[in-house]
C-alpha atoms as a PDB file:
ATOM      1  CA  MET A   1     -28.137  73.594 -84.784  1.00  0.00           C
ATOM      2  CA  THR A   2     -26.678  76.556 -86.672  1.00  0.00           C
ATOM      3  CA  PRO A   3     -25.705  79.562 -84.532  1.00  0.00           C
ATOM      4  CA  PRO A   4     -27.867  82.634 -85.124  1.00  0.00           C
ATOM      5  CA  ILE A   5     -26.774  85.386 -87.491  1.00  0.00           C
ATOM      6  CA  TYR A   6     -26.670  88.875 -86.014  1.00  0.00           C
ATOM      7  CA  ARG A   7     -26.558  92.271 -87.704  1.00  0.00           C
ATOM      8  CA  ILE A   8     -25.306  95.180 -85.617  1.00  0.00           C
ATOM      9  CA  ARG A   9     -25.332  98.753 -86.899  1.00  0.00           C
ATOM     10  CA  LEU A  10     -23.331 101.445 -85.133  1.00  0.00           C
ATOM     11  CA  THR A  11     -22.364 105.054 -85.623  1.00  0.00           C
ATOM     12  CA  GLY A  12     -18.852 105.649 -86.940  1.00  0.00           C
ATOM     13  CA  HIS A  13     -16.419 103.579 -88.965  1.00  0.00           C
ATOM     14  CA  ILE A  14     -14.207 100.860 -87.540  1.00  0.00           C
ATOM     15  CA  ASP A  15     -11.246  99.098 -89.117  1.00  0.00           C
ATOM     16  CA  ASP A  16     -11.422  95.564 -90.548  1.00  0.00           C
ATOM     17  CA  SER A  17      -8.605  94.551 -88.205  1.00  0.00           C
ATOM     18  CA  LEU A  18     -11.113  94.535 -85.321  1.00  0.00           C
ATOM     19  CA  SER A  19     -13.062  91.601 -86.803  1.00  0.00           C
ATOM     20  CA  GLY A  20     -11.221  89.091 -84.595  1.00  0.00           C
ATOM     21  CA  GLN A  21     -12.150  91.013 -81.450  1.00  0.00           C
ATOM     22  CA  LEU A  22     -15.761  91.147 -82.667  1.00  0.00           C
ATOM     23  CA  GLY A  23     -16.396  87.426 -82.994  1.00  0.00           C
ATOM     24  CA  GLY A  24     -15.180  87.242 -86.599  1.00  0.00           C
ATOM     25  CA  MET A  25     -18.105  89.308 -87.816  1.00  0.00           C
ATOM     26  CA  VAL A  26     -17.896  90.817 -91.314  1.00  0.00           C
ATOM     27  CA  ILE A  27     -17.348  94.585 -91.151  1.00  0.00           C
ATOM     28  CA  THR A  28     -18.951  96.841 -93.758  1.00  0.00           C
ATOM     29  CA  ARG A  29     -18.688 100.614 -93.737  1.00  0.00           C
ATOM     30  CA  ALA A  30     -21.591 102.700 -95.020  1.00  0.00           C
ATOM     31  CA  PHE A  31     -23.378 105.990 -94.434  1.00  0.00           C
ATOM     32  CA  THR A  32     -26.774 106.767 -92.898  1.00  0.00           C
ATOM     33  CA  SER A  33     -29.468 108.543 -94.901  1.00  0.00           C
ATOM     34  CA  ASP A  34     -28.185 111.842 -93.490  1.00  0.00           C
ATOM     35  CA  SER A  35     -24.570 111.063 -94.561  1.00  0.00           C
ATOM     36  CA  ARG A  36     -23.202 110.094 -91.116  1.00  0.00           C
ATOM     37  CA  PRO A  37     -20.626 107.270 -91.074  1.00  0.00           C
ATOM     38  CA  MET A  38     -22.005 103.896 -90.033  1.00  0.00           C
ATOM     39  CA  THR A  39     -20.549 100.406 -89.618  1.00  0.00           C
ATOM     40  CA  ILE A  40     -22.551  97.231 -90.166  1.00  0.00           C
ATOM     41  CA  LEU A  41     -21.389  93.988 -88.548  1.00  0.00           C
ATOM     42  CA  VAL A  42     -22.881  90.678 -89.724  1.00  0.00           C
ATOM     43  CA  GLY A  43     -22.013  87.184 -88.607  1.00  0.00           C
ATOM     44  CA  HIS A  44     -22.791  84.010 -86.707  1.00  0.00           C
ATOM     45  CA  LEU A  45     -22.374  84.234 -82.944  1.00  0.00           C
ATOM     46  CA  SER A  46     -22.514  80.989 -81.019  1.00  0.00           C
ATOM     47  CA  ASP A  47     -24.753  82.176 -78.191  1.00  0.00           C
ATOM     48  CA  GLN A  48     -25.924  85.138 -76.100  1.00  0.00           C
ATOM     49  CA  ALA A  49     -22.593  85.212 -74.253  1.00  0.00           C
ATOM     50  CA  ALA A  50     -20.759  85.718 -77.561  1.00  0.00           C
ATOM     51  CA  LEU A  51     -23.179  88.522 -78.462  1.00  0.00           C
ATOM     52  CA  SER A  52     -22.556  90.110 -75.069  1.00  0.00           C
ATOM     53  CA  GLU A  53     -18.783  89.976 -75.659  1.00  0.00           C
ATOM     54  CA  VAL A  54     -19.160  91.753 -79.015  1.00  0.00           C
ATOM     55  CA  LEU A  55     -21.412  94.406 -77.483  1.00  0.00           C
ATOM     56  CA  ASN A  56     -18.904  94.924 -74.648  1.00  0.00           C
ATOM     57  CA  GLU A  57     -16.082  95.408 -77.193  1.00  0.00           C
ATOM     58  CA  LEU A  58     -18.175  98.013 -79.020  1.00  0.00           C
ATOM     59  CA  TYR A  59     -18.907  99.726 -75.706  1.00  0.00           C
ATOM     60  CA  GLU A  60     -15.155  99.929 -75.051  1.00  0.00           C
ATOM     61  CA  LEU A  61     -14.754 101.673 -78.436  1.00  0.00           C
ATOM     62  CA  HIS A  62     -17.329 104.301 -77.358  1.00  0.00           C
ATOM     63  CA  LEU A  63     -19.352 103.874 -80.545  1.00  0.00           C
ATOM     64  CA  PRO A  64     -23.131 104.342 -80.228  1.00  0.00           C
ATOM     65  CA  LEU A  65     -25.253 101.379 -81.326  1.00  0.00           C
ATOM     66  CA  LEU A  66     -28.028 102.024 -83.828  1.00  0.00           C
ATOM     67  CA  THR A  67     -29.561  98.523 -84.020  1.00  0.00           C
ATOM     68  CA  VAL A  68     -28.927  94.921 -82.984  1.00  0.00           C
ATOM     69  CA  GLU A  69     -30.903  92.304 -84.921  1.00  0.00           C
ATOM     70  CA  SER A  70     -31.106  88.537 -84.970  1.00  0.00           C
ATOM     71  CA  LEU A  71     -31.658  87.546 -88.610  1.00  0.00           C
END
């Protein structure tokens, strides 16, 4: 069984070097429709525990989440 793909959007920009701490997710920087910086993380996470670890890392960075989606 293939692990699910998740897409997480958050306010602010983060550096690509954090990918390893975020489960190897691909980091893309963008802007919201009102020109605020946004980061989009996309990648396979093995299970809910792995998702929880990524969300905890983002919490530690104090960056507000916009969405978390299972694709």
